[in-house]
All heavy atoms as atom14 arrays in JSON, in Angstrom:
{
  "sequence": "TVQEIASLLIRKELPIQKIAEDFSFCSASYFS",
  "atom14_mask": [
    [1, 1, 1, 1, 1, 1, 1, 0, 0, 0, 0, 0, 0, 0],
    [1, 1, 1, 1, 1, 1, 1, 0, 0, 0, 0, 0, 0, 0],
    [1, 1, 1, 1, 1, 1, 1, 1, 1, 0, 0, 0, 0, 0],
    [1, 1, 1, 1, 1, 1, 1, 1, 1, 0, 0, 0, 0, 0],
    [1, 1, 1, 1, 1, 1, 1, 1, 0, 0, 0, 0, 0, 0],
    [1, 1, 1, 1, 1, 0, 0, 0, 0, 0, 0, 0, 0, 0],
    [1, 1, 1, 1, 1, 1, 0, 0, 0, 0, 0, 0, 0, 0],
    [1, 1, 1, 1, 1, 1, 1, 1, 0, 0, 0, 0, 0, 0],
    [1, 1, 1, 1, 1, 1, 1, 1, 0, 0, 0, 0, 0, 0],
    [1, 1, 1, 1, 1, 1, 1, 1, 0, 0, 0, 0, 0, 0],
    [1, 1, 1, 1, 1, 1, 1, 1, 1, 1, 1, 0, 0, 0],
    [1, 1, 1, 1, 1, 1, 1, 1, 1, 0, 0, 0, 0, 0],
    [1, 1, 1, 1, 1, 1, 1, 1, 1, 0, 0, 0, 0, 0],
    [1, 1, 1, 1, 1, 1, 1, 1, 0, 0, 0, 0, 0, 0],
    [1, 1, 1, 1, 1, 1, 1, 0, 0, 0, 0, 0, 0, 0],
    [1, 1, 1, 1, 1, 1, 1, 1, 0, 0, 0, 0, 0, 0],
    [1, 1, 1, 1, 1, 1, 1, 1, 1, 0, 0, 0, 0, 0],
    [1, 1, 1, 1, 1, 1, 1, 1, 1, 0, 0, 0, 0, 0],
    [1, 1, 1, 1, 1, 1, 1, 1, 0, 0, 0, 0, 0, 0],
    [1, 1, 1, 1, 1, 0, 0, 0, 0, 0, 0, 0, 0, 0],
    [1, 1, 1, 1, 1, 1, 1, 1, 1, 0, 0, 0, 0, 0],
    [1, 1, 1, 1, 1, 1, 1, 1, 0, 0, 0, 0, 0, 0],
    [1, 1, 1, 1, 1, 1, 1, 1, 1, 1, 1, 0, 0, 0],
    [1, 1, 1, 1, 1, 1, 0, 0, 0, 0, 0, 0, 0, 0],
    [1, 1, 1, 1, 1, 1, 1, 1, 1, 1, 1, 0, 0, 0],
    [1, 1, 1, 1, 1, 1, 0, 0, 0, 0, 0, 0, 0, 0],
    [1, 1, 1, 1, 1, 1, 0, 0, 0, 0, 0, 0, 0, 0],
    [1, 1, 1, 1, 1, 0, 0, 0, 0, 0, 0, 0, 0, 0],
    [1, 1, 1, 1, 1, 1, 0, 0, 0, 0, 0, 0, 0, 0],
    [1, 1, 1, 1, 1, 1, 1, 1, 1, 1, 1, 1, 0, 0],
    [1, 1, 1, 1, 1, 1, 1, 1, 1, 1, 1, 0, 0, 0],
    [1, 1, 1, 1, 1, 1, 0, 0, 0, 0, 0, 0, 0, 0]
  ],
  "atom14_positions": [
    [[6.92, 4.45, -7.72], [6.15, 4.11, -6.54], [4.69, 3.62, -6.83], [4.41, 2.61, -6.27], [5.92, 5.45, -5.67], [7.08, 6.03, -5.4], [5.16, 5.24, -4.52], [0.0, 0.0, 0.0], [0.0, 0.0, 0.0], [0.0, 0.0, 0.0], [0.0, 0.0, 0.0], [0.0, 0.0, 0.0], [0.0, 0.0, 0.0], [0.0, 0.0, 0.0]],
    [[4.11, 4.11, -7.88], [2.96, 3.65, -8.23], [2.99, 2.11, -8.86], [2.1, 1.22, -8.62], [2.28, 4.59, -9.31], [0.99, 3.79, -9.9], [1.76, 5.82, -8.65], [0.0, 0.0, 0.0], [0.0, 0.0, 0.0], [0.0, 0.0, 0.0], [0.0, 0.0, 0.0], [0.0, 0.0, 0.0], [0.0, 0.0, 0.0], [0.0, 0.0, 0.0]],
    [[4.17, 1.92, -9.57], [4.38, 0.6, -10.19], [4.49, -0.4, -9.08], [3.9, -1.65, -9.03], [5.56, 0.48, -11.14], [5.36, 1.16, -12.4], [6.57, 1.2, -13.26], [7.71, 0.83, -12.84], [6.46, 1.88, -14.39], [0.0, 0.0, 0.0], [0.0, 0.0, 0.0], [0.0, 0.0, 0.0], [0.0, 0.0, 0.0], [0.0, 0.0, 0.0]],
    [[5.26, 0.0, -8.01], [5.46, -0.95, -6.93], [4.19, -1.15, -6.1], [3.84, -2.23, -5.64], [6.63, -0.47, -6.06], [7.02, -1.23, -4.92], [7.71, -2.76, -5.31], [8.02, -2.82, -6.51], [7.52, -3.67, -4.51], [0.0, 0.0, 0.0], [0.0, 0.0, 0.0], [0.0, 0.0, 0.0], [0.0, 0.0, 0.0], [0.0, 0.0, 0.0]],
    [[3.48, -0.13, -5.79], [2.16, -0.13, -5.11], [1.19, -1.06, -5.8], [0.64, -1.98, -5.24], [1.63, 1.21, -4.79], [2.29, 1.99, -3.77], [0.09, 1.09, -4.42], [1.95, 3.41, -3.58], [0.0, 0.0, 0.0], [0.0, 0.0, 0.0], [0.0, 0.0, 0.0], [0.0, 0.0, 0.0], [0.0, 0.0, 0.0], [0.0, 0.0, 0.0]],
    [[1.09, -1.0, -7.16], [0.15, -1.82, -7.87], [0.59, -3.32, -7.91], [-0.21, -4.18, -7.66], [0.27, -1.35, -9.42], [0.0, 0.0, 0.0], [0.0, 0.0, 0.0], [0.0, 0.0, 0.0], [0.0, 0.0, 0.0], [0.0, 0.0, 0.0], [0.0, 0.0, 0.0], [0.0, 0.0, 0.0], [0.0, 0.0, 0.0], [0.0, 0.0, 0.0]],
    [[1.95, -3.57, -7.97], [2.36, -4.94, -7.81], [2.06, -5.5, -6.36], [1.82, -6.77, -6.33], [3.8, -4.98, -8.24], [4.67, -4.54, -7.22], [0.0, 0.0, 0.0], [0.0, 0.0, 0.0], [0.0, 0.0, 0.0], [0.0, 0.0, 0.0], [0.0, 0.0, 0.0], [0.0, 0.0, 0.0], [0.0, 0.0, 0.0], [0.0, 0.0, 0.0]],
    [[2.19, -4.76, -5.4], [1.91, -5.25, -4.02], [0.38, -5.31, -3.78], [-0.18, -6.26, -3.09], [2.42, -4.32, -2.98], [4.04, -4.32, -2.99], [4.52, -3.18, -2.05], [4.56, -5.63, -2.59], [0.0, 0.0, 0.0], [0.0, 0.0, 0.0], [0.0, 0.0, 0.0], [0.0, 0.0, 0.0], [0.0, 0.0, 0.0], [0.0, 0.0, 0.0]],
    [[-0.41, -4.4, -4.38], [-1.92, -4.59, -4.22], [-2.53, -5.86, -4.69], [-3.5, -6.33, -4.24], [-2.65, -3.25, -4.72], [-2.47, -2.07, -3.91], [-3.04, -0.82, -4.8], [-3.25, -2.16, -2.68], [0.0, 0.0, 0.0], [0.0, 0.0, 0.0], [0.0, 0.0, 0.0], [0.0, 0.0, 0.0], [0.0, 0.0, 0.0], [0.0, 0.0, 0.0]],
    [[-1.91, -6.44, -5.78], [-2.43, -7.61, -6.48], [-2.15, -8.89, -5.53], [-2.71, -9.96, -5.69], [-2.03, -7.82, -7.93], [-0.54, -8.03, -7.9], [-2.52, -6.68, -8.72], [-0.12, -8.42, -9.37], [0.0, 0.0, 0.0], [0.0, 0.0, 0.0], [0.0, 0.0, 0.0], [0.0, 0.0, 0.0], [0.0, 0.0, 0.0], [0.0, 0.0, 0.0]],
    [[-1.3, -8.65, -4.63], [-1.01, -9.76, -3.73], [-1.96, -9.76, -2.47], [-1.82, -9.02, -1.64], [0.5, -9.77, -3.26], [1.49, -9.88, -4.39], [2.81, -9.64, -3.9], [3.17, -10.61, -2.91], [4.29, -10.37, -2.03], [5.06, -9.34, -2.16], [4.6, -11.15, -1.06], [0.0, 0.0, 0.0], [0.0, 0.0, 0.0], [0.0, 0.0, 0.0]],
    [[-2.99, -10.52, -2.61], [-4.1, -10.49, -1.65], [-3.72, -10.77, -0.24], [-4.25, -10.47, 0.69], [-5.22, -11.41, -1.98], [-5.98, -10.88, -3.04], [-7.26, -11.69, -3.3], [-8.21, -10.97, -4.31], [-9.53, -11.47, -4.29], [0.0, 0.0, 0.0], [0.0, 0.0, 0.0], [0.0, 0.0, 0.0], [0.0, 0.0, 0.0], [0.0, 0.0, 0.0]],
    [[-2.45, -11.52, -0.06], [-2.04, -11.85, 1.29], [-1.44, -10.69, 2.1], [-1.22, -10.7, 3.32], [-1.0, -13.0, 1.36], [0.35, -12.62, 0.77], [0.51, -12.69, -0.7], [-0.49, -12.82, -1.39], [1.65, -12.62, -1.23], [0.0, 0.0, 0.0], [0.0, 0.0, 0.0], [0.0, 0.0, 0.0], [0.0, 0.0, 0.0], [0.0, 0.0, 0.0]],
    [[-1.23, -9.57, 1.36], [-0.78, -8.38, 1.99], [-1.8, -7.43, 2.52], [-2.56, -6.94, 1.48], [0.23, -7.62, 1.03], [1.61, -8.37, 0.69], [2.5, -7.51, -0.29], [2.44, -8.47, 2.07], [0.0, 0.0, 0.0], [0.0, 0.0, 0.0], [0.0, 0.0, 0.0], [0.0, 0.0, 0.0], [0.0, 0.0, 0.0], [0.0, 0.0, 0.0]],
    [[-1.97, -7.1, 3.55], [-3.08, -6.14, 3.95], [-2.72, -4.7, 3.33], [-1.65, -4.35, 3.35], [-2.91, -6.14, 5.56], [-2.15, -7.21, 5.97], [-1.2, -7.64, 4.71], [0.0, 0.0, 0.0], [0.0, 0.0, 0.0], [0.0, 0.0, 0.0], [0.0, 0.0, 0.0], [0.0, 0.0, 0.0], [0.0, 0.0, 0.0], [0.0, 0.0, 0.0]],
    [[-3.82, -4.04, 2.86], [-3.63, -2.75, 2.36], [-2.94, -1.86, 3.31], [-2.16, -1.01, 2.93], [-4.88, -2.22, 1.72], [-5.35, -3.03, 0.63], [-4.94, -0.73, 1.39], [-6.79, -2.93, 0.04], [0.0, 0.0, 0.0], [0.0, 0.0, 0.0], [0.0, 0.0, 0.0], [0.0, 0.0, 0.0], [0.0, 0.0, 0.0], [0.0, 0.0, 0.0]],
    [[-3.35, -1.82, 4.52], [-2.75, -1.05, 5.53], [-1.27, -1.17, 5.74], [-0.61, -0.26, 5.92], [-3.5, -1.28, 6.99], [-2.97, -0.44, 8.18], [-3.28, 1.07, 7.9], [-4.41, 1.37, 7.46], [-2.43, 1.9, 8.25], [0.0, 0.0, 0.0], [0.0, 0.0, 0.0], [0.0, 0.0, 0.0], [0.0, 0.0, 0.0], [0.0, 0.0, 0.0]],
    [[-0.79, -2.37, 5.72], [0.57, -2.72, 5.69], [1.29, -2.16, 4.54], [2.53, -1.51, 4.73], [0.86, -4.27, 5.64], [2.24, -4.78, 5.63], [2.97, -4.72, 6.89], [4.27, -5.43, 6.81], [5.33, -4.58, 6.7], [0.0, 0.0, 0.0], [0.0, 0.0, 0.0], [0.0, 0.0, 0.0], [0.0, 0.0, 0.0], [0.0, 0.0, 0.0]],
    [[0.71, -2.07, 3.32], [1.32, -1.55, 2.13], [1.45, 0.0, 2.38], [2.46, 0.53, 2.01], [0.66, -1.76, 0.93], [0.64, -3.33, 0.62], [1.19, -1.11, -0.41], [-0.4, -3.78, -0.48], [0.0, 0.0, 0.0], [0.0, 0.0, 0.0], [0.0, 0.0, 0.0], [0.0, 0.0, 0.0], [0.0, 0.0, 0.0], [0.0, 0.0, 0.0]],
    [[0.4, 0.53, 2.84], [0.4, 1.98, 3.2], [1.44, 2.33, 4.13], [2.25, 3.32, 3.96], [-0.87, 2.47, 3.6], [0.0, 0.0, 0.0], [0.0, 0.0, 0.0], [0.0, 0.0, 0.0], [0.0, 0.0, 0.0], [0.0, 0.0, 0.0], [0.0, 0.0, 0.0], [0.0, 0.0, 0.0], [0.0, 0.0, 0.0], [0.0, 0.0, 0.0]],
    [[1.64, 1.58, 5.23], [2.72, 1.79, 6.19], [4.09, 1.56, 5.64], [4.99, 2.41, 5.88], [2.52, 0.77, 7.32], [1.26, 1.17, 8.26], [0.98, 0.09, 9.15], [1.71, -0.91, 9.38], [-0.07, 0.24, 9.8], [0.0, 0.0, 0.0], [0.0, 0.0, 0.0], [0.0, 0.0, 0.0], [0.0, 0.0, 0.0], [0.0, 0.0, 0.0]],
    [[4.26, 0.61, 4.83], [5.55, 0.33, 4.12], [6.03, 1.43, 3.29], [7.29, 1.76, 3.1], [5.53, -0.97, 3.31], [5.41, -2.18, 4.24], [5.74, -2.09, 5.42], [5.31, -3.25, 3.63], [0.0, 0.0, 0.0], [0.0, 0.0, 0.0], [0.0, 0.0, 0.0], [0.0, 0.0, 0.0], [0.0, 0.0, 0.0], [0.0, 0.0, 0.0]],
    [[5.07, 2.19, 2.66], [5.43, 3.36, 1.88], [5.49, 4.64, 2.7], [5.59, 5.78, 2.12], [4.56, 3.42, 0.7], [4.96, 2.48, -0.54], [4.48, 1.24, -0.4], [5.77, 2.8, -1.34], [4.98, 0.24, -1.37], [6.27, 2.01, -2.39], [5.8, 0.65, -2.4], [0.0, 0.0, 0.0], [0.0, 0.0, 0.0], [0.0, 0.0, 0.0]],
    [[5.3, 4.45, 3.96], [5.31, 5.64, 4.89], [4.22, 6.75, 4.71], [4.4, 7.96, 4.94], [6.66, 6.36, 4.82], [7.66, 5.52, 5.36], [0.0, 0.0, 0.0], [0.0, 0.0, 0.0], [0.0, 0.0, 0.0], [0.0, 0.0, 0.0], [0.0, 0.0, 0.0], [0.0, 0.0, 0.0], [0.0, 0.0, 0.0], [0.0, 0.0, 0.0]],
    [[2.98, 6.26, 4.33], [1.91, 7.25, 4.12], [1.51, 7.46, 5.53], [1.32, 6.59, 6.46], [0.76, 6.62, 3.35], [1.06, 6.74, 1.81], [1.76, 5.66, 1.23], [0.6, 7.89, 1.14], [1.96, 5.74, -0.19], [0.86, 7.86, -0.22], [1.46, 6.77, -0.9], [0.0, 0.0, 0.0], [0.0, 0.0, 0.0], [0.0, 0.0, 0.0]],
    [[1.04, 8.77, 5.76], [0.69, 9.11, 7.22], [-0.63, 8.58, 7.59], [-0.88, 8.47, 8.82], [0.71, 10.59, 7.26], [-0.39, 11.5, 6.17], [0.0, 0.0, 0.0], [0.0, 0.0, 0.0], [0.0, 0.0, 0.0], [0.0, 0.0, 0.0], [0.0, 0.0, 0.0], [0.0, 0.0, 0.0], [0.0, 0.0, 0.0], [0.0, 0.0, 0.0]],
    [[-1.58, 8.15, 6.58], [-2.75, 7.58, 6.98], [-3.29, 6.7, 5.92], [-2.87, 6.84, 4.71], [-3.69, 8.73, 7.29], [-4.07, 9.43, 6.1], [0.0, 0.0, 0.0], [0.0, 0.0, 0.0], [0.0, 0.0, 0.0], [0.0, 0.0, 0.0], [0.0, 0.0, 0.0], [0.0, 0.0, 0.0], [0.0, 0.0, 0.0], [0.0, 0.0, 0.0]],
    [[-4.17, 5.86, 6.27], [-4.82, 5.03, 5.22], [-5.61, 5.84, 4.11], [-5.69, 5.52, 2.98], [-5.73, 3.9, 5.81], [0.0, 0.0, 0.0], [0.0, 0.0, 0.0], [0.0, 0.0, 0.0], [0.0, 0.0, 0.0], [0.0, 0.0, 0.0], [0.0, 0.0, 0.0], [0.0, 0.0, 0.0], [0.0, 0.0, 0.0], [0.0, 0.0, 0.0]],
    [[-6.21, 6.98, 4.57], [-7.07, 7.76, 3.69], [-6.08, 8.55, 2.64], [-6.56, 8.67, 1.58], [-7.96, 8.77, 4.53], [-7.23, 9.63, 5.22], [0.0, 0.0, 0.0], [0.0, 0.0, 0.0], [0.0, 0.0, 0.0], [0.0, 0.0, 0.0], [0.0, 0.0, 0.0], [0.0, 0.0, 0.0], [0.0, 0.0, 0.0], [0.0, 0.0, 0.0]],
    [[-4.95, 8.93, 3.18], [-3.97, 9.63, 2.23], [-3.53, 8.59, 1.2], [-3.4, 8.93, 0.05], [-2.9, 10.25, 2.98], [-2.07, 11.08, 2.11], [-2.35, 12.14, 1.44], [-0.83, 10.55, 1.86], [-1.54, 12.82, 0.52], [0.18, 11.14, 1.01], [-0.33, 12.35, 0.33], [0.53, 12.99, -0.59], [0.0, 0.0, 0.0], [0.0, 0.0, 0.0]],
    [[-3.2, 7.42, 1.71], [-2.76, 6.4, 0.84], [-3.93, 6.17, -0.22], [-3.56, 6.01, -1.52], [-2.46, 5.09, 1.46], [-2.04, 3.84, 0.66], [-0.89, 3.91, -0.08], [-3.03, 2.79, 0.53], [-0.58, 2.71, -0.86], [-2.76, 1.71, -0.21], [-1.45, 1.75, -0.94], [0.0, 0.0, 0.0], [0.0, 0.0, 0.0], [0.0, 0.0, 0.0]],
    [[-5.09, 6.0, 0.1], [-6.29, 5.75, -0.74], [-6.39, 6.91, -1.68], [-6.6, 6.52, -2.97], [-7.5, 5.56, 0.0], [-8.61, 5.27, -0.78], [0.0, 0.0, 0.0], [0.0, 0.0, 0.0], [0.0, 0.0, 0.0], [0.0, 0.0, 0.0], [0.0, 0.0, 0.0], [0.0, 0.0, 0.0], [0.0, 0.0, 0.0], [0.0, 0.0, 0.0]]
  ]
}
């Protein structure tokens, strides 16, 4: 999961909130 999140975070065109939602985190703060 961490490897995939890291690879998505380096793609600036993807909003961080969208990445959190795609991984089913219940909130942005928990994702952070």
